[in-house]
Amino acid sequence: MPAMTVRNISDAGHAALKRRAKLHGKSAEAEVRAMVDALAEPQQLADSKQEVVGFGTKLHQIFRKHGVTLPEYVRDKTPLEPAIFE
């Protein structure tokens, strides 16, 4: 079964996640699994004009809704130099 590590969760966000898990009678890990499973299920769009958002965006929205702050990263688009094996 695949595993994932989420780093740099704020103390407040971690505490909020633990409170949410306790309310649902689950461990924090089980609560995160349930949240990911709920987000990963494909959903039918009732309105074809409705904006489609990706899994990462939905996950980010849920975390922010519950007080978990995630760092914003700007991707470095500088081309990499090819590796030379001589």
PDB file of N, CA and C in Angstrom:
ATOM      1  N   MET A   1       0.852  -1.172   0.000  1.00  0.00           N
ATOM      2  CA  MET A   1       0.000   0.000   0.000  1.00  0.00           C
ATOM      3  C   MET A   1       0.896   1.232   0.000  1.00  0.00           C
ATOM      4  N   PRO A   2       0.606   2.227  -0.830  1.00  0.00           N
ATOM      5  CA  PRO A   2       1.425   3.435  -0.884  1.00  0.00           C
ATOM      6  C   PRO A   2       1.405   4.209   0.431  1.00  0.00           C
ATOM      7  N   ALA A   3       2.485   4.930   0.673  1.00  0.00           N
ATOM      8  CA  ALA A   3       2.596   5.772   1.865  1.00  0.00           C
ATOM      9  C   ALA A   3       3.018   7.168   1.435  1.00  0.00           C
ATOM     10  N   MET A   4       2.742   8.157   2.291  1.00  0.00           N
ATOM     11  CA  MET A   4       3.067   9.544   1.976  1.00  0.00           C
ATOM     12  C   MET A   4       3.480  10.241   3.263  1.00  0.00           C
ATOM     13  N   THR A   5       4.421  11.163   3.145  1.00  0.00           N
ATOM     14  CA  THR A   5       4.839  11.980   4.276  1.00  0.00           C
ATOM     15  C   THR A   5       4.511  13.425   3.953  1.00  0.00           C
ATOM     16  N   VAL A   6       3.858  14.108   4.877  1.00  0.00           N
ATOM     17  CA  VAL A   6       3.536  15.526   4.702  1.00  0.00           C
ATOM     18  C   VAL A   6       4.376  16.293   5.712  1.00  0.00           C
ATOM     19  N   ARG A   7       5.237  17.167   5.193  1.00  0.00           N
ATOM     20  CA  ARG A   7       6.137  17.921   6.063  1.00  0.00           C
ATOM     21  C   ARG A   7       5.649  19.357   6.237  1.00  0.00           C
ATOM     22  N   ASN A   8       6.194  19.996   7.245  1.00  0.00           N
ATOM     23  CA  ASN A   8       6.001  21.432   7.504  1.00  0.00           C
ATOM     24  C   ASN A   8       4.551  21.813   7.787  1.00  0.00           C
ATOM     25  N   ILE A   9       3.824  20.958   8.481  1.00  0.00           N
ATOM     26  CA  ILE A   9       2.476  21.309   8.920  1.00  0.00           C
ATOM     27  C   ILE A   9       2.628  22.171  10.173  1.00  0.00           C
ATOM     28  N   SER A  10       1.909  23.258  10.231  1.00  0.00           N
ATOM     29  CA  SER A  10       2.025  24.147  11.396  1.00  0.00           C
ATOM     30  C   SER A  10       1.501  23.448  12.651  1.00  0.00           C
ATOM     31  N   ASP A  11       1.959  23.921  13.787  1.00  0.00           N
ATOM     32  CA  ASP A  11       1.497  23.354  15.060  1.00  0.00           C
ATOM     33  C   ASP A  11      -0.017  23.534  15.203  1.00  0.00           C
ATOM     34  N   ALA A  12      -0.512  24.713  14.801  1.00  0.00           N
ATOM     35  CA  ALA A  12      -1.952  24.975  14.896  1.00  0.00           C
ATOM     36  C   ALA A  12      -2.728  24.038  13.971  1.00  0.00           C
ATOM     37  N   GLY A  13      -2.219  23.833  12.780  1.00  0.00           N
ATOM     38  CA  GLY A  13      -2.884  22.936  11.833  1.00  0.00           C
ATOM     39  C   GLY A  13      -2.895  21.504  12.326  1.00  0.00           C
ATOM     40  N   HIS A  14      -1.793  21.063  12.911  1.00  0.00           N
ATOM     41  CA  HIS A  14      -1.714  19.703  13.441  1.00  0.00           C
ATOM     42  C   HIS A  14      -2.692  19.528  14.597  1.00  0.00           C
ATOM     43  N   ALA A  15      -2.764  20.537  15.454  1.00  0.00           N
ATOM     44  CA  ALA A  15      -3.699  20.475  16.580  1.00  0.00           C
ATOM     45  C   ALA A  15      -5.144  20.443  16.078  1.00  0.00           C
ATOM     46  N   ALA A  16      -5.442  21.257  15.042  1.00  0.00           N
ATOM     47  CA  ALA A  16      -6.797  21.268  14.475  1.00  0.00           C
ATOM     48  C   ALA A  16      -7.136  19.912  13.866  1.00  0.00           C
ATOM     49  N   LEU A  17      -6.176  19.301  13.194  1.00  0.00           N
ATOM     50  CA  LEU A  17      -6.391  17.977  12.610  1.00  0.00           C
ATOM     51  C   LEU A  17      -6.662  16.946  13.699  1.00  0.00           C
ATOM     52  N   LYS A  18      -5.918  17.006  14.788  1.00  0.00           N
ATOM     53  CA  LYS A  18      -6.137  16.065  15.895  1.00  0.00           C
ATOM     54  C   LYS A  18      -7.525  16.269  16.520  1.00  0.00           C
ATOM     55  N   ARG A  19      -7.956  17.541  16.663  1.00  0.00           N
ATOM     56  CA  ARG A  19      -9.297  17.800  17.201  1.00  0.00           C
ATOM     57  C   ARG A  19     -10.366  17.236  16.276  1.00  0.00           C
ATOM     58  N   ARG A  20     -10.197  17.457  14.972  1.00  0.00           N
ATOM     59  CA  ARG A  20     -11.155  16.929  13.987  1.00  0.00           C
ATOM     60  C   ARG A  20     -11.216  15.404  14.057  1.00  0.00           C
ATOM     61  N   ALA A  21     -10.057  14.771  14.156  1.00  0.00           N
ATOM     62  CA  ALA A  21     -10.002  13.318  14.242  1.00  0.00           C
ATOM     63  C   ALA A  21     -10.706  12.819  15.507  1.00  0.00           C
ATOM     64  N   LYS A  22     -10.480  13.518  16.609  1.00  0.00           N
ATOM     65  CA  LYS A  22     -11.115  13.120  17.871  1.00  0.00           C
ATOM     66  C   LYS A  22     -12.635  13.229  17.782  1.00  0.00           C
ATOM     67  N   LEU A  23     -13.114  14.292  17.112  1.00  0.00           N
ATOM     68  CA  LEU A  23     -14.562  14.455  16.939  1.00  0.00           C
ATOM     69  C   LEU A  23     -15.173  13.295  16.150  1.00  0.00           C
ATOM     70  N   HIS A  24     -14.399  12.746  15.208  1.00  0.00           N
ATOM     71  CA  HIS A  24     -14.881  11.629  14.393  1.00  0.00           C
ATOM     72  C   HIS A  24     -14.493  10.265  14.967  1.00  0.00           C
ATOM     73  N   GLY A  25     -13.848  10.262  16.146  1.00  0.00           N
ATOM     74  CA  GLY A  25     -13.472   8.999  16.786  1.00  0.00           C
ATOM     75  C   GLY A  25     -12.392   8.250  16.031  1.00  0.00           C
ATOM     76  N   LYS A  26     -11.468   8.983  15.417  1.00  0.00           N
ATOM     77  CA  LYS A  26     -10.400   8.369  14.618  1.00  0.00           C
ATOM     78  C   LYS A  26      -9.055   8.900  15.072  1.00  0.00           C
ATOM     79  N   SER A  27      -8.002   8.211  14.632  1.00  0.00           N
ATOM     80  CA  SER A  27      -6.660   8.752  14.816  1.00  0.00           C
ATOM     81  C   SER A  27      -6.450   9.845  13.776  1.00  0.00           C
ATOM     82  N   ALA A  28      -5.448  10.684  13.991  1.00  0.00           N
ATOM     83  CA  ALA A  28      -5.154  11.740  13.022  1.00  0.00           C
ATOM     84  C   ALA A  28      -4.811  11.130  11.664  1.00  0.00           C
ATOM     85  N   GLU A  29      -4.069  10.046  11.669  1.00  0.00           N
ATOM     86  CA  GLU A  29      -3.700   9.381  10.419  1.00  0.00           C
ATOM     87  C   GLU A  29      -4.937   8.854   9.692  1.00  0.00           C
ATOM     88  N   ALA A  30      -5.855   8.236  10.426  1.00  0.00           N
ATOM     89  CA  ALA A  30      -7.085   7.718   9.814  1.00  0.00           C
ATOM     90  C   ALA A  30      -7.943   8.854   9.271  1.00  0.00           C
ATOM     91  N   GLU A  31      -7.947   9.982   9.969  1.00  0.00           N
ATOM     92  CA  GLU A  31      -8.718  11.143   9.515  1.00  0.00           C
ATOM     93  C   GLU A  31      -8.154  11.684   8.204  1.00  0.00           C
ATOM     94  N   VAL A  32      -6.828  11.775   8.107  1.00  0.00           N
ATOM     95  CA  VAL A  32      -6.206  12.243   6.863  1.00  0.00           C
ATOM     96  C   VAL A  32      -6.509  11.274   5.729  1.00  0.00           C
ATOM     97  N   ARG A  33      -6.442   9.963   5.997  1.00  0.00           N
ATOM     98  CA  ARG A  33      -6.770   8.966   4.954  1.00  0.00           C
ATOM     99  C   ARG A  33      -8.199   9.158   4.469  1.00  0.00           C
ATOM    100  N   ALA A  34      -9.125   9.381   5.400  1.00  0.00           N
ATOM    101  CA  ALA A  34     -10.527   9.576   5.026  1.00  0.00           C
ATOM    102  C   ALA A  34     -10.692  10.847   4.188  1.00  0.00           C
ATOM    103  N   MET A  35      -9.973  11.906   4.547  1.00  0.00           N
ATOM    104  CA  MET A  35     -10.045  13.148   3.789  1.00  0.00           C
ATOM    105  C   MET A  35      -9.496  12.953   2.378  1.00  0.00           C
ATOM    106  N   VAL A  36      -8.368  12.265   2.265  1.00  0.00           N
ATOM    107  CA  VAL A  36      -7.770  12.024   0.950  1.00  0.00           C
ATOM    108  C   VAL A  36      -8.684  11.146   0.106  1.00  0.00           C
ATOM    109  N   ASP A  37      -9.232  10.087   0.698  1.00  0.00           N
ATOM    110  CA  ASP A  37     -10.140   9.211  -0.045  1.00  0.00           C
ATOM    111  C   ASP A  37     -11.367   9.968  -0.542  1.00  0.00           C
ATOM    112  N   ALA A  38     -11.902  10.842   0.306  1.00  0.00           N
ATOM    113  CA  ALA A  38     -13.089  11.609  -0.085  1.00  0.00           C
ATOM    114  C   ALA A  38     -12.771  12.555  -1.242  1.00  0.00           C
ATOM    115  N   LEU A  39     -11.570  13.122  -1.234  1.00  0.00           N
ATOM    116  CA  LEU A  39     -11.182  14.039  -2.304  1.00  0.00           C
ATOM    117  C   LEU A  39     -10.824  13.318  -3.595  1.00  0.00           C
ATOM    118  N   ALA A  40     -10.304  12.123  -3.480  1.00  0.00           N
ATOM    119  CA  ALA A  40      -9.801  11.416  -4.655  1.00  0.00           C
ATOM    120  C   ALA A  40     -10.911  10.764  -5.478  1.00  0.00           C
ATOM    121  N   GLU A  41     -12.101  10.593  -4.900  1.00  0.00           N
ATOM    122  CA  GLU A  41     -13.192   9.972  -5.639  1.00  0.00           C
ATOM    123  C   GLU A  41     -13.637  10.883  -6.774  1.00  0.00           C
ATOM    124  N   PRO A  42     -13.784  10.331  -7.982  1.00  0.00           N
ATOM    125  CA  PRO A  42     -14.251  11.171  -9.088  1.00  0.00           C
ATOM    126  C   PRO A  42     -15.675  11.651  -8.839  1.00  0.00           C
ATOM    127  N   GLN A  43     -15.925  12.887  -9.193  1.00  0.00           N
ATOM    128  CA  GLN A  43     -17.254  13.455  -8.990  1.00  0.00           C
ATOM    129  C   GLN A  43     -17.826  13.890 -10.327  1.00  0.00           C
ATOM    130  N   GLN A  44     -19.110  13.655 -10.491  1.00  0.00           N
ATOM    131  CA  GLN A  44     -19.797  14.107 -11.700  1.00  0.00           C
ATOM    132  C   GLN A  44     -20.106  15.585 -11.545  1.00  0.00           C
ATOM    133  N   LEU A  45     -19.804  16.356 -12.568  1.00  0.00           N
ATOM    134  CA  LEU A  45     -20.125  17.782 -12.526  1.00  0.00           C
ATOM    135  C   LEU A  45     -21.541  17.981 -13.027  1.00  0.00           C
ATOM    136  N   ALA A  46     -22.384  18.552 -12.193  1.00  0.00           N
ATOM    137  CA  ALA A  46     -23.773  18.793 -12.581  1.00  0.00           C
ATOM    138  C   ALA A  46     -23.850  19.867 -13.653  1.00  0.00           C
ATOM    139  N   ASP A  47     -22.998  20.830 -13.554  1.00  0.00           N
ATOM    140  CA  ASP A  47     -22.998  21.934 -14.510  1.00  0.00           C
ATOM    141  C   ASP A  47     -21.680  21.910 -15.267  1.00  0.00           C
ATOM    142  N   SER A  48     -21.727  21.736 -16.571  1.00  0.00           N
ATOM    143  CA  SER A  48     -20.502  21.629 -17.362  1.00  0.00           C
ATOM    144  C   SER A  48     -19.705  22.927 -17.347  1.00  0.00           C
ATOM    145  N   LYS A  49     -20.331  24.039 -16.962  1.00  0.00           N
ATOM    146  CA  LYS A  49     -19.626  25.314 -16.891  1.00  0.00           C
ATOM    147  C   LYS A  49     -18.882  25.462 -15.569  1.00  0.00           C
ATOM    148  N   GLN A  50     -19.123  24.558 -14.641  1.00  0.00           N
ATOM    149  CA  GLN A  50     -18.474  24.629 -13.337  1.00  0.00           C
ATOM    150  C   GLN A  50     -16.972  24.406 -13.506  1.00  0.00           C
ATOM    151  N   GLU A  51     -16.183  25.199 -12.801  1.00  0.00           N
ATOM    152  CA  GLU A  51     -14.732  25.099 -12.901  1.00  0.00           C
ATOM    153  C   GLU A  51     -14.257  23.772 -12.308  1.00  0.00           C
ATOM    154  N   VAL A  52     -13.376  23.103 -13.001  1.00  0.00           N
ATOM    155  CA  VAL A  52     -12.812  21.851 -12.521  1.00  0.00           C
ATOM    156  C   VAL A  52     -11.500  22.169 -11.827  1.00  0.00           C
ATOM    157  N   VAL A  53     -11.372  21.752 -10.579  1.00  0.00           N
ATOM    158  CA  VAL A  53     -10.129  21.972  -9.842  1.00  0.00           C
ATOM    159  C   VAL A  53      -9.470  20.631  -9.591  1.00  0.00           C
ATOM    160  N   GLY A  54      -8.161  20.638  -9.521  1.00  0.00           N
ATOM    161  CA  GLY A  54      -7.390  19.420  -9.329  1.00  0.00           C
ATOM    162  C   GLY A  54      -7.407  18.933  -7.891  1.00  0.00           C
ATOM    163  N   PHE A  55      -6.887  17.735  -7.711  1.00  0.00           N
ATOM    164  CA  PHE A  55      -6.840  17.101  -6.400  1.00  0.00           C
ATOM    165  C   PHE A  55      -6.041  17.936  -5.399  1.00  0.00           C
ATOM    166  N   GLY A  56      -4.889  18.418  -5.817  1.00  0.00           N
ATOM    167  CA  GLY A  56      -4.045  19.209  -4.927  1.00  0.00           C
ATOM    168  C   GLY A  56      -4.732  20.481  -4.468  1.00  0.00           C
ATOM    169  N   THR A  57      -5.434  21.130  -5.392  1.00  0.00           N
ATOM    170  CA  THR A  57      -6.146  22.364  -5.057  1.00  0.00           C
ATOM    171  C   THR A  57      -7.260  22.086  -4.058  1.00  0.00           C
ATOM    172  N   LYS A  58      -8.014  21.006  -4.287  1.00  0.00           N
ATOM    173  CA  LYS A  58      -9.104  20.661  -3.348  1.00  0.00           C
ATOM    174  C   LYS A  58      -8.546  20.320  -1.971  1.00  0.00           C
ATOM    175  N   LEU A  59      -7.457  19.561  -1.935  1.00  0.00           N
ATOM    176  CA  LEU A  59      -6.839  19.191  -0.667  1.00  0.00           C
ATOM    177  C   LEU A  59      -6.364  20.444   0.065  1.00  0.00           C
ATOM    178  N   HIS A  60      -5.753  21.360  -0.665  1.00  0.00           N
ATOM    179  CA  HIS A  60      -5.291  22.615  -0.083  1.00  0.00           C
ATOM    180  C   HIS A  60      -6.474  23.412   0.482  1.00  0.00           C
ATOM    181  N   GLN A  61      -7.589  23.456  -0.240  1.00  0.00           N
ATOM    182  CA  GLN A  61      -8.774  24.178   0.224  1.00  0.00           C
ATOM    183  C   GLN A  61      -9.311  23.585   1.524  1.00  0.00           C
ATOM    184  N   ILE A  62      -9.338  22.266   1.620  1.00  0.00           N
ATOM    185  CA  ILE A  62      -9.842  21.610   2.836  1.00  0.00           C
ATOM    186  C   ILE A  62      -8.931  21.913   4.021  1.00  0.00           C
ATOM    187  N   PHE A  63      -7.610  21.802   3.802  1.00  0.00           N
ATOM    188  CA  PHE A  63      -6.689  22.099   4.892  1.00  0.00           C
ATOM    189  C   PHE A  63      -6.842  23.544   5.363  1.00  0.00           C
ATOM    190  N   ARG A  64      -6.948  24.493   4.416  1.00  0.00           N
ATOM    191  CA  ARG A  64      -7.092  25.901   4.793  1.00  0.00           C
ATOM    192  C   ARG A  64      -8.404  26.136   5.529  1.00  0.00           C
ATOM    193  N   LYS A  65      -9.474  25.447   5.115  1.00  0.00           N
ATOM    194  CA  LYS A  65     -10.774  25.582   5.763  1.00  0.00           C
ATOM    195  C   LYS A  65     -10.692  25.191   7.236  1.00  0.00           C
ATOM    196  N   HIS A  66      -9.815  24.235   7.556  1.00  0.00           N
ATOM    197  CA  HIS A  66      -9.700  23.742   8.923  1.00  0.00           C
ATOM    198  C   HIS A  66      -8.497  24.325   9.657  1.00  0.00           C
ATOM    199  N   GLY A  67      -7.962  25.410   9.126  1.00  0.00           N
ATOM    200  CA  GLY A  67      -6.913  26.124   9.843  1.00  0.00           C
ATOM    201  C   GLY A  67      -5.507  25.631   9.625  1.00  0.00           C
ATOM    202  N   VAL A  68      -5.300  24.696   8.719  1.00  0.00           N
ATOM    203  CA  VAL A  68      -3.958  24.207   8.446  1.00  0.00           C
ATOM    204  C   VAL A  68      -3.339  25.117   7.389  1.00  0.00           C
ATOM    205  N   THR A  69      -2.204  25.715   7.722  1.00  0.00           N
ATOM    206  CA  THR A  69      -1.546  26.577   6.753  1.00  0.00           C
ATOM    207  C   THR A  69      -0.430  25.801   6.072  1.00  0.00           C
ATOM    208  N   LEU A  70      -0.398  25.879   4.777  1.00  0.00           N
ATOM    209  CA  LEU A  70       0.628  25.219   3.994  1.00  0.00           C
ATOM    210  C   LEU A  70       1.476  26.275   3.316  1.00  0.00           C
ATOM    211  N   PRO A  71       2.782  26.017   3.207  1.00  0.00           N
ATOM    212  CA  PRO A  71       3.629  27.019   2.557  1.00  0.00           C
ATOM    213  C   PRO A  71       3.319  27.119   1.066  1.00  0.00           C
ATOM    214  N   GLU A  72       3.418  28.320   0.546  1.00  0.00           N
ATOM    215  CA  GLU A  72       3.232  28.545  -0.886  1.00  0.00           C
ATOM    216  C   GLU A  72       4.600  28.444  -1.542  1.00  0.00           C
ATOM    217  N   TYR A  73       4.718  27.609  -2.534  1.00  0.00           N
ATOM    218  CA  TYR A  73       5.977  27.431  -3.233  1.00  0.00           C
ATOM    219  C   TYR A  73       5.878  27.984  -4.646  1.00  0.00           C
ATOM    220  N   VAL A  74       6.949  28.653  -5.067  1.00  0.00           N
ATOM    221  CA  VAL A  74       7.045  29.116  -6.439  1.00  0.00           C
ATOM    222  C   VAL A  74       8.079  28.230  -7.112  1.00  0.00           C
ATOM    223  N   ARG A  75       7.667  27.568  -8.163  1.00  0.00           N
ATOM    224  CA  ARG A  75       8.543  26.627  -8.849  1.00  0.00           C
ATOM    225  C   ARG A  75       9.645  27.365  -9.605  1.00  0.00           C
ATOM    226  N   ASP A  76      10.874  26.893  -9.433  1.00  0.00           N
ATOM    227  CA  ASP A  76      12.009  27.441 -10.168  1.00  0.00           C
ATOM    228  C   ASP A  76      12.004  26.824 -11.552  1.00  0.00           C
ATOM    229  N   LYS A  77      11.813  27.651 -12.567  1.00  0.00           N
ATOM    230  CA  LYS A  77      11.709  27.156 -13.935  1.00  0.00           C
ATOM    231  C   LYS A  77      13.027  27.297 -14.706  1.00  0.00           C
ATOM    232  N   THR A  78      14.120  27.521 -13.979  1.00  0.00           N
ATOM    233  CA  THR A  78      15.423  27.618 -14.626  1.00  0.00           C
ATOM    234  C   THR A  78      15.791  26.248 -15.191  1.00  0.00           C
ATOM    235  N   PRO A  79      16.171  26.181 -16.470  1.00  0.00           N
ATOM    236  CA  PRO A  79      16.536  24.884 -17.051  1.00  0.00           C
ATOM    237  C   PRO A  79      17.744  24.284 -16.328  1.00  0.00           C
ATOM    238  N   LEU A  80      17.726  22.984 -16.162  1.00  0.00           N
ATOM    239  CA  LEU A  80      18.829  22.290 -15.500  1.00  0.00           C
ATOM    240  C   LEU A  80      19.927  21.986 -16.494  1.00  0.00           C
ATOM    241  N   GLU A  81      21.152  21.915 -15.988  1.00  0.00           N
ATOM    242  CA  GLU A  81      22.270  21.508 -16.820  1.00  0.00           C
ATOM    243  C   GLU A  81      22.273  19.990 -16.884  1.00  0.00           C
ATOM    244  N   PRO A  82      22.517  19.428 -18.068  1.00  0.00           N
ATOM    245  CA  PRO A  82      22.559  17.961 -18.166  1.00  0.00           C
ATOM    246  C   PRO A  82      23.736  17.385 -17.388  1.00  0.00           C
ATOM    247  N   ALA A  83      23.558  16.183 -16.868  1.00  0.00           N
ATOM    248  CA  ALA A  83      24.616  15.517 -16.119  1.00  0.00           C
ATOM    249  C   ALA A  83      25.705  15.044 -17.083  1.00  0.00           C
ATOM    250  N   ILE A  84      26.951  15.161 -16.665  1.00  0.00           N
ATOM    251  CA  ILE A  84      28.089  14.700 -17.466  1.00  0.00           C
ATOM    252  C   ILE A  84      28.770  13.598 -16.674  1.00  0.00           C
ATOM    253  N   PHE A  85      28.885  12.415 -17.256  1.00  0.00           N
ATOM    254  CA  PHE A  85      29.438  11.255 -16.582  1.00  0.00           C
ATOM    255  C   PHE A  85      30.793  10.884 -17.200  1.00  0.00           C
ATOM    256  N   GLU A  86      31.772  11.760 -17.096  1.00  0.00           N
ATOM    257  CA  GLU A  86      33.091  11.462 -17.651  1.00  0.00           C
ATOM    258  C   GLU A  86      34.124  11.431 -16.567  1.00  0.00           C
TER     259      GLU A  86
END
